[in-house]
C-alpha atoms as a PDB file:
ATOM      1  CA  MET A   1      -0.122  -0.017   0.141  1.00  0.00           C
ATOM      2  CA  ARG A   2       2.698   2.561   0.931  1.00  0.00           C
ATOM      3  CA  ILE A   3       4.760   1.774  -2.455  1.00  0.00           C
ATOM      4  CA  LEU A   4       1.421   2.569  -4.287  1.00  0.00           C
ATOM      5  CA  TYR A   5       1.063   5.788  -2.185  1.00  0.00           C
ATOM      6  CA  VAL A   6       4.387   6.769  -3.088  1.00  0.00           C
ATOM      7  CA  PHE A   7       3.896   6.109  -6.943  1.00  0.00           C
ATOM      8  CA  VAL A   8       0.582   8.305  -6.645  1.00  0.00           C
ATOM      9  CA  LEU A   9       2.464  11.064  -5.149  1.00  0.00           C
ATOM     10  CA  LEU A  10       5.392  11.046  -7.938  1.00  0.00           C
ATOM     11  CA  PHE A  11       2.769  10.818 -10.385  1.00  0.00           C
ATOM     12  CA  ILE A  12       1.044  14.017  -9.038  1.00  0.00           C
ATOM     13  CA  ALA A  13       4.258  15.628  -8.780  1.00  0.00           C
ATOM     14  CA  ILE A  14       4.882  15.108 -12.446  1.00  0.00           C
ATOM     15  CA  LEU A  15       1.665  16.189 -13.329  1.00  0.00           C
ATOM     16  CA  LEU A  16       2.182  19.495 -11.567  1.00  0.00           C
ATOM     17  CA  GLY A  17       5.548  19.805 -13.208  1.00  0.00           C
ATOM     18  CA  ALA A  18       3.855  19.549 -16.477  1.00  0.00           C
ATOM     19  CA  GLY A  19       1.566  22.260 -15.624  1.00  0.00           C
ATOM     20  CA  LYS A  20       3.706  24.599 -17.776  1.00  0.00           C
ATOM     21  CA  ILE A  21       2.918  22.364 -20.761  1.00  0.00           C
ATOM     22  CA  PHE A  22      -0.556  23.045 -20.498  1.00  0.00           C
ATOM     23  CA  GLY A  23      -0.430  26.561 -19.881  1.00  0.00           C
ATOM     24  CA  GLU A  24      -3.877  27.931 -20.377  1.00  0.00           C
ATOM     25  CA  ASN A  25      -5.209  24.727 -20.250  1.00  0.00           C
ATOM     26  CA  SER A  26      -4.261  24.049 -17.036  1.00  0.00           C
ATOM     27  CA  GLN A  27      -7.641  23.235 -15.783  1.00  0.00           C
ATOM     28  CA  ILE A  28      -7.455  20.016 -17.359  1.00  0.00           C
ATOM     29  CA  LEU A  29      -4.410  19.051 -15.248  1.00  0.00           C
ATOM     30  CA  PHE A  30      -6.450  19.937 -12.185  1.00  0.00           C
ATOM     31  CA  TYR A  31      -9.358  17.659 -13.320  1.00  0.00           C
ATOM     32  CA  LEU A  32      -6.624  14.879 -14.157  1.00  0.00           C
ATOM     33  CA  ILE A  33      -5.191  15.191 -10.516  1.00  0.00           C
ATOM     34  CA  ILE A  34      -8.549  14.975  -9.089  1.00  0.00           C
ATOM     35  CA  PHE A  35      -9.339  11.785 -11.164  1.00  0.00           C
ATOM     36  CA  VAL A  36      -6.010  10.057  -9.835  1.00  0.00           C
ATOM     37  CA  MET A  37      -6.751  10.860  -6.384  1.00  0.00           C
ATOM     38  CA  GLY A  38     -10.277   9.580  -6.691  1.00  0.00           C
ATOM     39  CA  LEU A  39      -8.804   6.355  -8.088  1.00  0.00           C
ATOM     40  CA  GLY A  40      -6.530   5.874  -5.219  1.00  0.00           C
ATOM     41  CA  VAL A  41      -9.347   6.487  -2.818  1.00  0.00           C
ATOM     42  CA  VAL A  42     -11.507   3.812  -4.507  1.00  0.00           C
ATOM     43  CA  TYR A  43      -8.716   1.349  -4.650  1.00  0.00           C
ATOM     44  CA  TYR A  44      -7.999   1.757  -0.918  1.00  0.00           C
ATOM     45  CA  ALA A  45     -11.785   1.357  -0.058  1.00  0.00           C
ATOM     46  CA  HIS A  46     -11.874  -1.684  -2.029  1.00  0.00           C
ATOM     47  CA  TRP A  47      -8.751  -3.005  -0.238  1.00  0.00           C
ATOM     48  CA  PHE A  48      -9.748  -2.082   3.465  1.00  0.00           C
ATOM     49  CA  LYS A  49     -13.273  -3.840   2.751  1.00  0.00           C
ATOM     50  CA  LYS A  50     -11.705  -7.039   1.611  1.00  0.00           C
ATOM     51  CA  PHE A  51      -9.088  -6.790   4.575  1.00  0.00           C
ATOM     52  CA  ALA A  52     -11.906  -5.922   6.957  1.00  0.00           C
ATOM     53  CA  GLN A  53     -13.936  -9.167   5.950  1.00  0.00           C
ATOM     54  CA  LYS A  54     -10.785 -11.313   6.429  1.00  0.00           C
ATOM     55  CA  VAL A  55     -10.091 -10.174   9.731  1.00  0.00           C
ATOM     56  CA  ASN A  56     -13.823 -10.443  10.803  1.00  0.00           C
ATOM     57  CA  SER A  57     -14.081 -13.926   9.289  1.00  0.00           C
ATOM     58  CA  LEU A  58     -11.170 -15.046  11.671  1.00  0.00           C
ATOM     59  CA  MET A  59     -12.561 -13.699  14.888  1.00  0.00           C
ATOM     60  CA  PRO A  60     -14.809 -16.917  15.941  1.00  0.00           C
ATOM     61  CA  LEU A  61     -11.278 -18.907  15.810  1.00  0.00           C
ATOM     62  CA  ILE A  62      -9.852 -17.004  19.012  1.00  0.00           C
ATOM     63  CA  GLU A  63     -12.343 -19.150  20.990  1.00  0.00           C
ATOM     64  CA  SER A  64     -12.656 -22.296  18.906  1.00  0.00           C
ATOM     65  CA  ASP A  65      -8.992 -22.638  17.616  1.00  0.00           C
ATOM     66  CA  PRO A  66      -6.538 -19.799  18.885  1.00  0.00           C
ATOM     67  CA  ASP A  67      -3.493 -21.467  17.550  1.00  0.00           C
ATOM     68  CA  THR A  68      -5.006 -21.011  13.947  1.00  0.00           C
ATOM     69  CA  TYR A  69      -6.297 -17.570  14.600  1.00  0.00           C
ATOM     70  CA  ILE A  70      -2.883 -16.497  15.669  1.00  0.00           C
ATOM     71  CA  GLU A  71      -1.130 -18.043  12.680  1.00  0.00           C
ATOM     72  CA  GLU A  72      -3.455 -16.600  10.162  1.00  0.00           C
ATOM     73  CA  THR A  73      -3.625 -13.055  11.950  1.00  0.00           C
ATOM     74  CA  GLU A  74       0.398 -13.019  12.098  1.00  0.00           C
ATOM     75  CA  LYS A  75       0.081 -13.391   8.394  1.00  0.00           C
ATOM     76  CA  LEU A  76      -2.011 -10.276   8.063  1.00  0.00           C
ATOM     77  CA  LEU A  77       0.637  -8.354   9.871  1.00  0.00           C
ATOM     78  CA  GLN A  78       3.205  -9.082   7.025  1.00  0.00           C
ATOM     79  CA  GLY A  79       3.971  -5.771   5.294  1.00  0.00           C
ATOM     80  CA  LYS A  80       3.372  -2.422   5.938  1.00  0.00           C
ATOM     81  CA  ARG A  81      -0.077  -1.713   7.726  1.00  0.00           C
ATOM     82  CA  PRO A  82      -1.588   1.560   9.347  1.00  0.00           C
ATOM     83  CA  ASN A  83      -0.531   1.664  12.831  1.00  0.00           C
ATOM     84  CA  ASN A  84      -4.106   1.642  14.132  1.00  0.00           C
ATOM     85  CA  ILE A  85      -4.923  -1.688  12.288  1.00  0.00           C
ATOM     86  CA  ARG A  86      -1.580  -3.375  13.252  1.00  0.00           C
ATOM     87  CA  SER A  87      -2.273  -2.416  16.850  1.00  0.00           C
ATOM     88  CA  MET A  88      -5.776  -3.957  16.580  1.00  0.00           C
ATOM     89  CA  LEU A  89      -4.480  -7.056  15.253  1.00  0.00           C
ATOM     90  CA  ILE A  90      -1.660  -7.419  17.785  1.00  0.00           C
ATOM     91  CA  MET A  91      -4.205  -7.131  20.614  1.00  0.00           C
ATOM     92  CA  ASN A  92      -6.484  -9.776  19.242  1.00  0.00           C
ATOM     93  CA  ILE A  93      -3.506 -12.122  18.921  1.00  0.00           C
ATOM     94  CA  ALA A  94      -2.918 -11.267  22.673  1.00  0.00           C
ATOM     95  CA  VAL A  95      -6.366 -12.290  23.420  1.00  0.00           C
ATOM     96  CA  ALA A  96      -5.827 -15.466  21.480  1.00  0.00           C
ATOM     97  CA  TYR A  97      -2.884 -16.180  23.896  1.00  0.00           C
ATOM     98  CA  MET A  98      -5.134 -15.148  26.992  1.00  0.00           C
ATOM     99  CA  GLU A  99      -7.565 -17.896  25.625  1.00  0.00           C
ATOM    100  CA  LYS A 100      -4.705 -20.408  25.530  1.00  0.00           C
ATOM    101  CA  ASP A 101      -3.793 -19.373  29.055  1.00  0.00           C
ATOM    102  CA  ASP A 102      -0.344 -18.169  27.817  1.00  0.00           C
ATOM    103  CA  PHE A 103      -0.304 -14.769  29.786  1.00  0.00           C
ATOM    104  CA  VAL A 104       3.595 -14.228  29.368  1.00  0.00           C
ATOM    105  CA  THR A 105       3.073 -14.108  25.735  1.00  0.00           C
ATOM    106  CA  ALA A 106       0.037 -12.081  25.858  1.00  0.00           C
ATOM    107  CA  LYS A 107       2.042  -9.421  27.989  1.00  0.00           C
ATOM    108  CA  GLN A 108       4.632  -9.499  25.527  1.00  0.00           C
ATOM    109  CA  LYS A 109       2.279  -8.923  22.718  1.00  0.00           C
ATOM    110  CA  LEU A 110       0.413  -6.080  24.331  1.00  0.00           C
ATOM    111  CA  LYS A 111       3.495  -4.410  25.594  1.00  0.00           C
ATOM    112  CA  SER A 112       4.849  -4.315  21.988  1.00  0.00           C
ATOM    113  CA  ILE A 113       1.656  -1.929  21.265  1.00  0.00           C
ATOM    114  CA  ASN A 114       2.008   1.945  22.077  1.00  0.00           C
ATOM    115  CA  GLY A 115      -1.378   1.825  24.189  1.00  0.00           C
ATOM    116  CA  GLY A 116      -1.434   5.466  24.832  1.00  0.00           C
ATOM    117  CA  ALA A 117      -1.636   6.135  20.967  1.00  0.00           C
ATOM    118  CA  LEU A 118      -4.763   4.048  20.759  1.00  0.00           C
ATOM    119  CA  LYS A 119      -7.869   6.151  20.593  1.00  0.00           C
ATOM    120  CA  LYS A 120     -10.821   6.581  22.792  1.00  0.00           C
ATOM    121  CA  ALA A 121     -12.400   2.926  23.160  1.00  0.00           C
ATOM    122  CA  ASN A 122      -9.777   1.105  21.661  1.00  0.00           C
ATOM    123  CA  GLY A 123      -7.282   2.682  23.903  1.00  0.00           C
ATOM    124  CA  ALA A 124      -9.541   1.540  27.011  1.00  0.00           C
ATOM    125  CA  VAL A 125     -10.036  -2.079  25.951  1.00  0.00           C
ATOM    126  CA  TYR A 126      -6.089  -2.020  25.378  1.00  0.00           C
ATOM    127  CA  PHE A 127      -5.654  -1.147  29.162  1.00  0.00           C
ATOM    128  CA  LEU A 128      -8.616  -3.548  30.206  1.00  0.00           C
ATOM    129  CA  ASN A 129      -6.840  -6.501  28.732  1.00  0.00           C
ATOM    130  CA  LEU A 130      -3.484  -5.636  29.966  1.00  0.00           C
ATOM    131  CA  ALA A 131      -4.764  -5.324  33.553  1.00  0.00           C
ATOM    132  CA  TYR A 132      -6.427  -8.816  32.992  1.00  0.00           C
ATOM    133  CA  VAL A 133      -3.109 -10.050  31.934  1.00  0.00           C
ATOM    134  CA  LEU A 134      -1.128  -8.644  34.813  1.00  0.00           C
ATOM    135  CA  ILE A 135      -3.764  -9.920  37.342  1.00  0.00           C
ATOM    136  CA  HIS A 136      -3.103 -13.657  35.945  1.00  0.00           C
ATOM    137  CA  LEU A 137       0.729 -13.198  36.037  1.00  0.00           C
ATOM    138  CA  GLU A 138       0.319 -12.021  39.841  1.00  0.00           C
ATOM    139  CA  GLU A 139       1.354  -8.377  39.034  1.00  0.00           C
ATOM    140  CA  ASN A 140      -1.364  -6.994  41.255  1.00  0.00           C
ATOM    141  CA  GLN A 141       0.237  -3.513  42.163  1.00  0.00           C
ATOM    142  CA  ASP A 142       0.632  -2.666  38.307  1.00  0.00           C
ATOM    143  CA  ALA A 143      -2.888  -3.877  37.526  1.00  0.00           C
ATOM    144  CA  LEU A 144      -4.493  -2.334  40.413  1.00  0.00           C
ATOM    145  CA  GLU A 145      -2.905   1.093  39.138  1.00  0.00           C
ATOM    146  CA  ILE A 146      -4.343   0.396  35.801  1.00  0.00           C
ATOM    147  CA  ILE A 147      -7.648  -0.126  36.808  1.00  0.00           C
ATOM    148  CA  LYS A 148      -7.823   2.939  39.012  1.00  0.00           C
ATOM    149  CA  LYS A 149      -6.544   4.895  36.279  1.00  0.00           C
ATOM    150  CA  TYR A 150      -8.765   3.945  33.567  1.00  0.00           C
ATOM    151  CA  LYS A 151     -11.924   2.756  35.533  1.00  0.00           C
ATOM    152  CA  LYS A 152     -14.157   5.573  34.183  1.00  0.00           C
ATOM    153  CA  ARG A 153     -12.776   4.824  30.527  1.00  0.00           C
ATOM    154  CA  PHE A 154     -13.749   1.000  31.162  1.00  0.00           C
ATOM    155  CA  LEU A 155     -17.150   1.825  32.482  1.00  0.00           C
ATOM    156  CA  GLY A 156     -17.965   4.100  29.424  1.00  0.00           C
ATOM    157  CA  LEU A 157     -17.107   1.361  26.874  1.00  0.00           C
ATOM    158  CA  PRO A 158     -20.110   0.067  24.696  1.00  0.00           C
ATOM    159  CA  MET A 159     -21.233  -3.161  26.451  1.00  0.00           C
ATOM    160  CA  GLY A 160     -20.648  -5.723  23.628  1.00  0.00           C
ATOM    161  CA  GLY A 161     -18.950  -8.911  23.139  1.00  0.00           C
ATOM    162  CA  ASN A 162     -16.782  -9.950  26.259  1.00  0.00           C
ATOM    163  CA  LEU A 163     -16.209  -6.454  27.650  1.00  0.00           C
ATOM    164  CA  PRO A 164     -19.107  -6.696  30.302  1.00  0.00           C
ATOM    165  CA  ARG A 165     -17.343  -9.981  31.736  1.00  0.00           C
ATOM    166  CA  LEU A 166     -13.804  -8.169  31.508  1.00  0.00           C
ATOM    167  CA  ILE A 167     -15.144  -5.209  33.384  1.00  0.00           C
ATOM    168  CA  ALA A 168     -16.647  -7.226  36.105  1.00  0.00           C
ATOM    169  CA  PHE A 169     -13.579  -9.429  36.473  1.00  0.00           C
ATOM    170  CA  VAL A 170     -11.539  -6.267  37.057  1.00  0.00           C
ATOM    171  CA  GLN A 171     -14.141  -4.903  39.376  1.00  0.00           C
ATOM    172  CA  ILE A 172     -14.216  -7.800  41.449  1.00  0.00           C
ATOM    173  CA  PHE A 173     -10.212  -7.837  41.614  1.00  0.00           C
ATOM    174  CA  GLU A 174     -10.313  -4.415  42.622  1.00  0.00           C
ATOM    175  CA  ALA A 175     -12.538  -4.999  45.601  1.00  0.00           C
ATOM    176  CA  ILE A 176     -10.597  -7.976  46.603  1.00  0.00           C
ATOM    177  CA  GLN A 177      -7.210  -5.809  46.534  1.00  0.00           C
ATOM    178  CA  ASP A 178      -9.224  -3.080  48.621  1.00  0.00           C
ATOM    179  CA  GLY A 179     -10.149  -5.553  51.102  1.00  0.00           C
ATOM    180  CA  LYS A 180     -13.758  -5.288  50.418  1.00  0.00           C
ATOM    181  CA  TRP A 181     -14.430  -8.951  50.524  1.00  0.00           C
ATOM    182  CA  ASP A 182     -18.230  -8.827  50.913  1.00  0.00           C
ATOM    183  CA  ASP A 183     -18.472  -6.571  47.909  1.00  0.00           C
ATOM    184  CA  ALA A 184     -16.261  -8.954  45.812  1.00  0.00           C
ATOM    185  CA  ALA A 185     -18.488 -11.855  46.889  1.00  0.00           C
ATOM    186  CA  GLU A 186     -21.594 -10.090  45.984  1.00  0.00           C
ATOM    187  CA  GLN A 187     -20.385  -9.162  42.521  1.00  0.00           C
ATOM    188  CA  MET A 188     -19.042 -12.623  41.934  1.00  0.00           C
ATOM    189  CA  LYS A 189     -22.347 -14.018  42.761  1.00  0.00           C
ATOM    190  CA  ILE A 190     -24.135 -11.883  40.463  1.00  0.00           C
ATOM    191  CA  THR A 191     -21.345 -12.352  37.792  1.00  0.00           C
ATOM    192  CA  LYS A 192     -21.825 -16.310  37.971  1.00  0.00           C
ATOM    193  CA  GLU A 193     -25.747 -15.918  37.603  1.00  0.00           C
ATOM    194  CA  THR A 194     -25.295 -13.814  34.713  1.00  0.00           C
ATOM    195  CA  TRP A 195     -22.513 -15.722  32.783  1.00  0.00           C
ATOM    196  CA  PRO A 196     -22.330 -19.148  34.477  1.00  0.00           C
ATOM    197  CA  ASP A 197     -19.758 -20.414  31.729  1.00  0.00           C
ATOM    198  CA  LYS A 198     -16.266 -19.300  30.688  1.00  0.00           C
ATOM    199  CA  VAL A 199     -16.284 -16.719  27.787  1.00  0.00           C
ATOM    200  CA  THR A 200     -13.594 -15.717  25.308  1.00  0.00           C
ATOM    201  CA  GLY A 201     -10.579 -14.570  27.289  1.00  0.00           C
ATOM    202  CA  VAL A 202     -12.444 -14.167  30.534  1.00  0.00           C
ATOM    203  CA  ASP A 203     -12.273 -16.796  33.394  1.00  0.00           C
ATOM    204  CA  PHE A 204     -13.097 -15.915  36.874  1.00  0.00           C
ATOM    205  CA  SER A 205     -11.643 -19.162  38.513  1.00  0.00           C
ATOM    206  CA  LEU A 206      -8.655 -17.231  39.822  1.00  0.00           C
ATOM    207  CA  LEU A 207     -11.077 -14.733  41.611  1.00  0.00           C
ATOM    208  CA  GLU A 208     -13.273 -17.633  42.939  1.00  0.00           C
ATOM    209  CA  LYS A 209     -10.145 -19.250  44.318  1.00  0.00           C
ATOM    210  CA  GLN A 210      -9.157 -16.023  46.049  1.00  0.00           C
ATOM    211  CA  LEU A 211     -12.353 -15.630  47.595  1.00  0.00           C
ATOM    212  CA  ALA A 212     -12.586 -19.131  48.779  1.00  0.00           C
ATOM    213  CA  GLU A 213      -9.487 -19.268  50.256  1.00  0.00           C
ATOM    214  CA  HIS A 214     -10.419 -15.791  52.221  1.00  0.00           C
ATOM    215  CA  ASN A 215     -13.741 -17.555  53.206  1.00  0.00           C
ATOM    216  CA  ALA A 216     -11.662 -20.742  54.482  1.00  0.00           C
ATOM    217  CA  ALA A 217      -9.335 -18.704  56.518  1.00  0.00           C
ATOM    218  CA  ASN A 218     -12.240 -17.032  58.251  1.00  0.00           C
ATOM    219  CA  LYS A 219     -13.896 -20.195  59.333  1.00  0.00           C
ATOM    220  CA  ILE A 220     -10.568 -21.314  60.765  1.00  0.00           C
ATOM    221  CA  GLN A 221     -10.105 -18.098  62.856  1.00  0.00           C
ATOM    222  CA  ALA A 222     -13.781 -18.234  63.852  1.00  0.00           C
END
């Protein structure tokens, strides 16, 4: 895509240089430039539509076959890609590693992205996923700092896909870290009633274990 872009710019430069030849008929040159630019826009729109269709067709594999998803999406990263597209693909690959319980690699993938450069909702989703990974790596303090910093952005996300479960997960984790065990237990109860099964990239068993250990310790003390 970048080669084509450079070629178009060079072509336009040549046309502009040819303006002296056209002289009084330079208006013809203007329309020719507009036509060439229009062709470029149409070509890019066609390419992006096909690319987006390919990306969307792979999404179900994150849960059903994460290894294949990773392999196929890595192929899409080959060559030059706009930074926002590259970042989103890498973040999806990280989610696939989360699904495989490979949180070390998931963290590596996420850290290769400049999360601060992601816009609005994409940035919030990035930090939400990063917090989830850090929790599973027992990097609790770093995870808690992210949650407290971006909590308002998390809650402002459109509630689609696995986002509600991710948000519930980090909220329960935050309550546990703050020593609000009753709140955490109540949120976990609601969560289990709402989503009884594990969903893509979100597994509450880690937090359930922490709550169970806390309850057991309280019974011993009693």
